[in-house]
C-alpha atoms as a PDB file:
ATOM      1  CA  MET A   1      48.604 -41.382  -4.886  1.00  0.00           C
ATOM      2  CA  THR A   2      48.656 -44.835  -2.920  1.00  0.00           C
ATOM      3  CA  LYS A   3      46.733 -46.730  -5.960  1.00  0.00           C
ATOM      4  CA  SER A   4      49.351 -45.139  -8.439  1.00  0.00           C
ATOM      5  CA  TYR A   5      52.529 -46.000  -6.062  1.00  0.00           C
ATOM      6  CA  ALA A   6      50.856 -49.869  -6.096  1.00  0.00           C
ATOM      7  CA  ALA A   7      50.505 -49.760  -9.937  1.00  0.00           C
ATOM      8  CA  LEU A   8      54.288 -48.682  -9.961  1.00  0.00           C
ATOM      9  CA  VAL A   9      55.062 -50.920  -7.665  1.00  0.00           C
ATOM     10  CA  ALA A  10      53.064 -53.799  -9.864  1.00  0.00           C
ATOM     11  CA  LEU A  11      54.500 -52.898 -12.683  1.00  0.00           C
ATOM     12  CA  VAL A  12      57.940 -53.051 -11.815  1.00  0.00           C
ATOM     13  CA  LEU A  13      57.686 -56.293 -10.201  1.00  0.00           C
ATOM     14  CA  VAL A  14      56.376 -57.601 -13.627  1.00  0.00           C
ATOM     15  CA  LEU A  15      58.976 -55.806 -15.259  1.00  0.00           C
ATOM     16  CA  THR A  16      61.700 -56.846 -13.717  1.00  0.00           C
ATOM     17  CA  THR A  17      60.299 -61.096 -13.294  1.00  0.00           C
ATOM     18  CA  SER A  18      59.365 -61.436 -16.686  1.00  0.00           C
ATOM     19  CA  SER A  19      63.304 -60.070 -17.708  1.00  0.00           C
ATOM     20  CA  ALA A  20      64.511 -62.306 -14.673  1.00  0.00           C
ATOM     21  CA  PHE A  21      63.350 -65.322 -16.524  1.00  0.00           C
ATOM     22  CA  ALA A  22      64.110 -64.691 -19.959  1.00  0.00           C
ATOM     23  CA  LYS A  23      65.097 -67.800 -21.336  1.00  0.00           C
ATOM     24  CA  VAL A  24      67.117 -67.248 -24.373  1.00  0.00           C
ATOM     25  CA  VAL A  25      69.727 -70.329 -25.454  1.00  0.00           C
ATOM     26  CA  LYS A  26      72.502 -67.963 -26.983  1.00  0.00           C
ATOM     27  CA  LYS A  27      74.192 -70.323 -29.853  1.00  0.00           C
ATOM     28  CA  ARG A  28      78.208 -69.861 -31.508  1.00  0.00           C
ATOM     29  CA  ASP A  29      77.700 -68.172 -34.673  1.00  0.00           C
ATOM     30  CA  PRO A  30      74.031 -67.269 -34.836  1.00  0.00           C
ATOM     31  CA  VAL A  31      72.024 -66.234 -37.538  1.00  0.00           C
ATOM     32  CA  LYS A  32      71.112 -62.369 -37.104  1.00  0.00           C
ATOM     33  CA  ASP A  33      67.549 -61.908 -35.834  1.00  0.00           C
ATOM     34  CA  SER A  34      66.617 -65.513 -36.124  1.00  0.00           C
ATOM     35  CA  TYR A  35      64.909 -67.480 -33.283  1.00  0.00           C
ATOM     36  CA  ILE A  36      63.567 -70.957 -32.971  1.00  0.00           C
ATOM     37  CA  VAL A  37      60.913 -71.007 -30.111  1.00  0.00           C
ATOM     38  CA  VAL A  38      60.384 -73.649 -28.170  1.00  0.00           C
ATOM     39  CA  LEU A  39      56.330 -73.949 -26.757  1.00  0.00           C
ATOM     40  CA  LYS A  40      54.795 -75.853 -23.762  1.00  0.00           C
ATOM     41  CA  ASP A  41      53.699 -79.178 -24.066  1.00  0.00           C
ATOM     42  CA  SER A  42      50.499 -77.479 -22.347  1.00  0.00           C
ATOM     43  CA  VAL A  43      49.712 -75.584 -25.951  1.00  0.00           C
ATOM     44  CA  ALA A  44      46.870 -77.810 -28.032  1.00  0.00           C
ATOM     45  CA  GLU A  45      48.605 -78.900 -31.164  1.00  0.00           C
ATOM     46  CA  ASN A  46      45.627 -76.892 -32.958  1.00  0.00           C
ATOM     47  CA  PHE A  47      46.727 -73.651 -31.755  1.00  0.00           C
ATOM     48  CA  VAL A  48      50.359 -73.951 -32.408  1.00  0.00           C
ATOM     49  CA  ALA A  49      49.898 -71.734 -35.954  1.00  0.00           C
ATOM     50  CA  THR A  50      47.984 -69.356 -34.212  1.00  0.00           C
ATOM     51  CA  LEU A  51      49.722 -68.533 -31.471  1.00  0.00           C
ATOM     52  CA  ALA A  52      53.236 -68.301 -33.338  1.00  0.00           C
ATOM     53  CA  GLU A  53      51.324 -65.232 -35.782  1.00  0.00           C
ATOM     54  CA  SER A  54      49.896 -64.001 -32.234  1.00  0.00           C
ATOM     55  CA  LEU A  55      53.126 -64.045 -30.382  1.00  0.00           C
ATOM     56  CA  ALA A  56      55.203 -62.999 -33.364  1.00  0.00           C
ATOM     57  CA  LYS A  57      53.306 -60.325 -34.265  1.00  0.00           C
ATOM     58  CA  ALA A  58      52.488 -58.866 -30.739  1.00  0.00           C
ATOM     59  CA  HIS A  59      56.805 -58.648 -30.582  1.00  0.00           C
ATOM     60  CA  LYS A  60      57.169 -56.986 -33.925  1.00  0.00           C
ATOM     61  CA  GLY A  61      58.506 -60.598 -36.070  1.00  0.00           C
ATOM     62  CA  GLN A  62      57.587 -62.186 -38.357  1.00  0.00           C
ATOM     63  CA  VAL A  63      56.969 -66.314 -38.773  1.00  0.00           C
ATOM     64  CA  GLN A  64      58.852 -68.379 -40.751  1.00  0.00           C
ATOM     65  CA  ALA A  65      57.891 -71.865 -39.825  1.00  0.00           C
ATOM     66  CA  VAL A  66      55.435 -73.268 -37.891  1.00  0.00           C
ATOM     67  CA  TYR A  67      56.487 -76.708 -35.595  1.00  0.00           C
ATOM     68  CA  GLU A  68      53.085 -79.312 -34.807  1.00  0.00           C
ATOM     69  CA  ASN A  69      54.599 -82.197 -34.936  1.00  0.00           C
ATOM     70  CA  GLY A  70      57.372 -83.580 -32.820  1.00  0.00           C
ATOM     71  CA  LEU A  71      57.930 -80.174 -31.681  1.00  0.00           C
ATOM     72  CA  LYS A  72      55.297 -77.182 -30.996  1.00  0.00           C
ATOM     73  CA  GLY A  73      57.360 -74.253 -31.902  1.00  0.00           C
ATOM     74  CA  PHE A  74      57.786 -71.847 -34.954  1.00  0.00           C
ATOM     75  CA  SER A  75      60.852 -69.790 -36.335  1.00  0.00           C
ATOM     76  CA  VAL A  76      61.037 -65.973 -36.463  1.00  0.00           C
ATOM     77  CA  ARG A  77      62.243 -63.143 -37.427  1.00  0.00           C
ATOM     78  CA  LEU A  78      63.190 -60.506 -34.791  1.00  0.00           C
ATOM     79  CA  LYS A  79      64.950 -57.703 -32.716  1.00  0.00           C
ATOM     80  CA  GLU A  80      67.032 -59.999 -29.619  1.00  0.00           C
ATOM     81  CA  ALA A  81      65.601 -57.545 -27.408  1.00  0.00           C
ATOM     82  CA  ASP A  82      62.269 -58.581 -28.499  1.00  0.00           C
ATOM     83  CA  ALA A  83      63.382 -62.202 -28.552  1.00  0.00           C
ATOM     84  CA  GLU A  84      64.422 -61.490 -24.852  1.00  0.00           C
ATOM     85  CA  LEU A  85      60.133 -60.726 -24.199  1.00  0.00           C
ATOM     86  CA  LEU A  86      58.836 -63.324 -26.533  1.00  0.00           C
ATOM     87  CA  SER A  87      60.881 -65.728 -23.934  1.00  0.00           C
ATOM     88  CA  ALA A  88      59.314 -64.626 -20.880  1.00  0.00           C
ATOM     89  CA  ASN A  89      55.611 -65.178 -22.406  1.00  0.00           C
ATOM     90  CA  PRO A  90      54.196 -68.513 -19.961  1.00  0.00           C
ATOM     91  CA  ASP A  91      53.175 -70.217 -23.490  1.00  0.00           C
ATOM     92  CA  VAL A  92      56.992 -69.947 -24.239  1.00  0.00           C
ATOM     93  CA  GLU A  93      59.147 -73.041 -22.945  1.00  0.00           C
ATOM     94  CA  TRP A  94      62.398 -71.449 -24.272  1.00  0.00           C
ATOM     95  CA  VAL A  95      63.599 -69.396 -27.196  1.00  0.00           C
ATOM     96  CA  GLU A  96      66.664 -70.740 -29.147  1.00  0.00           C
ATOM     97  CA  GLN A  97      69.290 -68.615 -31.510  1.00  0.00           C
ATOM     98  CA  ASP A  98      69.049 -69.899 -34.981  1.00  0.00           C
ATOM     99  CA  ALA A  99      72.459 -70.885 -35.564  1.00  0.00           C
ATOM    100  CA  HIS A 100      74.848 -71.845 -39.008  1.00  0.00           C
ATOM    101  CA  MET A 101      75.141 -75.276 -38.965  1.00  0.00           C
ATOM    102  CA  TYR A 102      78.970 -76.467 -41.092  1.00  0.00           C
ATOM    103  CA  LEU A 103      79.573 -79.993 -42.215  1.00  0.00           C
ATOM    104  CA  SER A 104      83.057 -81.806 -41.205  1.00  0.00           C
ATOM    105  CA  THR A 105      84.600 -84.514 -43.571  1.00  0.00           C
ATOM    106  CA  THR A 106      86.288 -85.761 -40.077  1.00  0.00           C
ATOM    107  CA  GLN A 107      84.924 -86.560 -36.512  1.00  0.00           C
ATOM    108  CA  THR A 108      85.911 -87.293 -33.268  1.00  0.00           C
ATOM    109  CA  VAL A 109      84.533 -90.542 -32.441  1.00  0.00           C
ATOM    110  CA  GLY A 110      85.014 -92.528 -29.395  1.00  0.00           C
ATOM    111  CA  VAL A 111      85.053 -95.915 -27.883  1.00  0.00           C
ATOM    112  CA  GLU A 112      81.401 -96.657 -29.188  1.00  0.00           C
ATOM    113  CA  SER A 113      82.860 -95.796 -32.770  1.00  0.00           C
ATOM    114  CA  TRP A 114      81.280 -99.570 -34.626  1.00  0.00           C
ATOM    115  CA  GLY A 115      85.137 -99.329 -35.928  1.00  0.00           C
ATOM    116  CA  LEU A 116      84.783 -96.679 -37.744  1.00  0.00           C
ATOM    117  CA  ASP A 117      88.195 -95.065 -36.302  1.00  0.00           C
ATOM    118  CA  ARG A 118      90.297 -98.633 -37.797  1.00  0.00           C
ATOM    119  CA  ILE A 119      88.420 -98.870 -41.090  1.00  0.00           C
ATOM    120  CA  ASP A 120      89.888 -95.185 -41.914  1.00  0.00           C
ATOM    121  CA  GLN A 121      93.849 -96.119 -41.226  1.00  0.00           C
ATOM    122  CA  ASP A 122      96.105 -97.677 -43.469  1.00  0.00           C
ATOM    123  CA  THR A 123      97.637 -99.512 -40.081  1.00  0.00           C
ATOM    124  CA  PRO A 124      95.522-101.255 -37.433  1.00  0.00           C
ATOM    125  CA  ARG A 125      97.409 -99.497 -34.402  1.00  0.00           C
ATOM    126  CA  PRO A 126      97.768 -96.876 -33.253  1.00  0.00           C
ATOM    127  CA  LEU A 127      94.175 -95.800 -33.423  1.00  0.00           C
ATOM    128  CA  SER A 128      93.784 -91.818 -34.493  1.00  0.00           C
ATOM    129  CA  SER A 129      90.298 -91.085 -32.554  1.00  0.00           C
ATOM    130  CA  THR A 130      88.708 -90.027 -35.678  1.00  0.00           C
ATOM    131  CA  TYR A 131      87.296 -91.065 -38.758  1.00  0.00           C
ATOM    132  CA  SER A 132      87.462 -89.267 -42.360  1.00  0.00           C
ATOM    133  CA  TYR A 133      85.087 -89.689 -44.842  1.00  0.00           C
ATOM    134  CA  ALA A 134      87.071 -89.628 -47.994  1.00  0.00           C
ATOM    135  CA  LYS A 135      83.662 -89.315 -49.938  1.00  0.00           C
ATOM    136  CA  ASP A 136      81.602 -86.626 -50.780  1.00  0.00           C
ATOM    137  CA  GLY A 137      78.435 -89.311 -51.569  1.00  0.00           C
ATOM    138  CA  THR A 138      78.663 -88.720 -55.131  1.00  0.00           C
ATOM    139  CA  ASN A 139      77.396 -91.901 -56.991  1.00  0.00           C
ATOM    140  CA  VAL A 140      76.399 -93.711 -54.168  1.00  0.00           C
ATOM    141  CA  ARG A 141      73.668 -96.088 -54.177  1.00  0.00           C
ATOM    142  CA  ALA A 142      71.887 -96.917 -50.685  1.00  0.00           C
ATOM    143  CA  TYR A 143      70.118 -99.906 -50.042  1.00  0.00           C
ATOM    144  CA  VAL A 144      67.730 -99.330 -47.455  1.00  0.00           C
ATOM    145  CA  MET A 145      65.700-102.492 -46.580  1.00  0.00           C
ATOM    146  CA  ASP A 146      62.832-100.859 -44.114  1.00  0.00           C
ATOM    147  CA  GLY A 147      58.635-101.272 -45.621  1.00  0.00           C
ATOM    148  CA  GLY A 148      58.279 -97.453 -43.874  1.00  0.00           C
ATOM    149  CA  ILE A 149      59.971 -95.283 -46.256  1.00  0.00           C
ATOM    150  CA  PHE A 150      57.361 -92.728 -48.109  1.00  0.00           C
ATOM    151  CA  ALA A 151      58.389 -92.729 -51.688  1.00  0.00           C
ATOM    152  CA  GLU A 152      56.431 -89.522 -53.025  1.00  0.00           C
ATOM    153  CA  HIS A 153      57.597 -87.154 -50.193  1.00  0.00           C
ATOM    154  CA  ASP A 154      58.485 -83.674 -51.591  1.00  0.00           C
ATOM    155  CA  GLU A 155      62.515 -84.954 -51.111  1.00  0.00           C
ATOM    156  CA  PHE A 156      62.408 -87.856 -53.317  1.00  0.00           C
ATOM    157  CA  LEU A 157      60.256 -86.017 -55.962  1.00  0.00           C
ATOM    158  CA  HIS A 158      63.473 -84.987 -57.595  1.00  0.00           C
ATOM    159  CA  GLY A 159      64.955 -87.910 -59.004  1.00  0.00           C
ATOM    160  CA  THR A 160      67.175 -88.206 -55.572  1.00  0.00           C
ATOM    161  CA  GLY A 161      64.950 -91.773 -54.647  1.00  0.00           C
ATOM    162  CA  SER A 162      63.721 -95.137 -56.392  1.00  0.00           C
ATOM    163  CA  THR A 163      61.817 -97.921 -55.692  1.00  0.00           C
ATOM    164  CA  GLY A 164      62.444-101.732 -56.259  1.00  0.00           C
ATOM    165  CA  TYR A 165      62.696-104.894 -55.708  1.00  0.00           C
ATOM    166  CA  GLY A 166      65.526-107.445 -55.384  1.00  0.00           C
ATOM    167  CA  ASN A 167      66.283-110.786 -54.059  1.00  0.00           C
ATOM    168  CA  ASN A 168      69.251-112.250 -53.587  1.00  0.00           C
ATOM    169  CA  LYS A 169      68.651-116.409 -53.715  1.00  0.00           C
ATOM    170  CA  GLY A 170      72.959-116.775 -53.282  1.00  0.00           C
END
């Protein structure tokens, strides 16, 4: 009877301790059943994909993407209760709800606005503390002077990028 009681106490301790340290970051306007899992730095980069699949399977989830560079982690589809349990895993730094993001054509600017507040106004004063983007980027050419652009990257393969050389001797 004493061993059963000790085992029960140990189980209760584990369950209450792990739920007390659950680390799910809640977001405004979350994507239903979609989470980003950030792994601890101690997880080896070559083990991230394997660990992601293992953790997702153990918590009835499905891996959507694996992040091995810059951030060790993965995105996963699973229920909220399972996300809470997953966040208590010792290899997990935190779990964060995925959220909808929206673009705005007006942004609030502060003192460090690099003059944006001034250039979108017809009159010099008073400043409005906002900058409004009047254009949507259609027919805009951006000239980038940088030797580190990988022109064959997937984002440039659909006619969105081109390379060239120009020299203005003026």
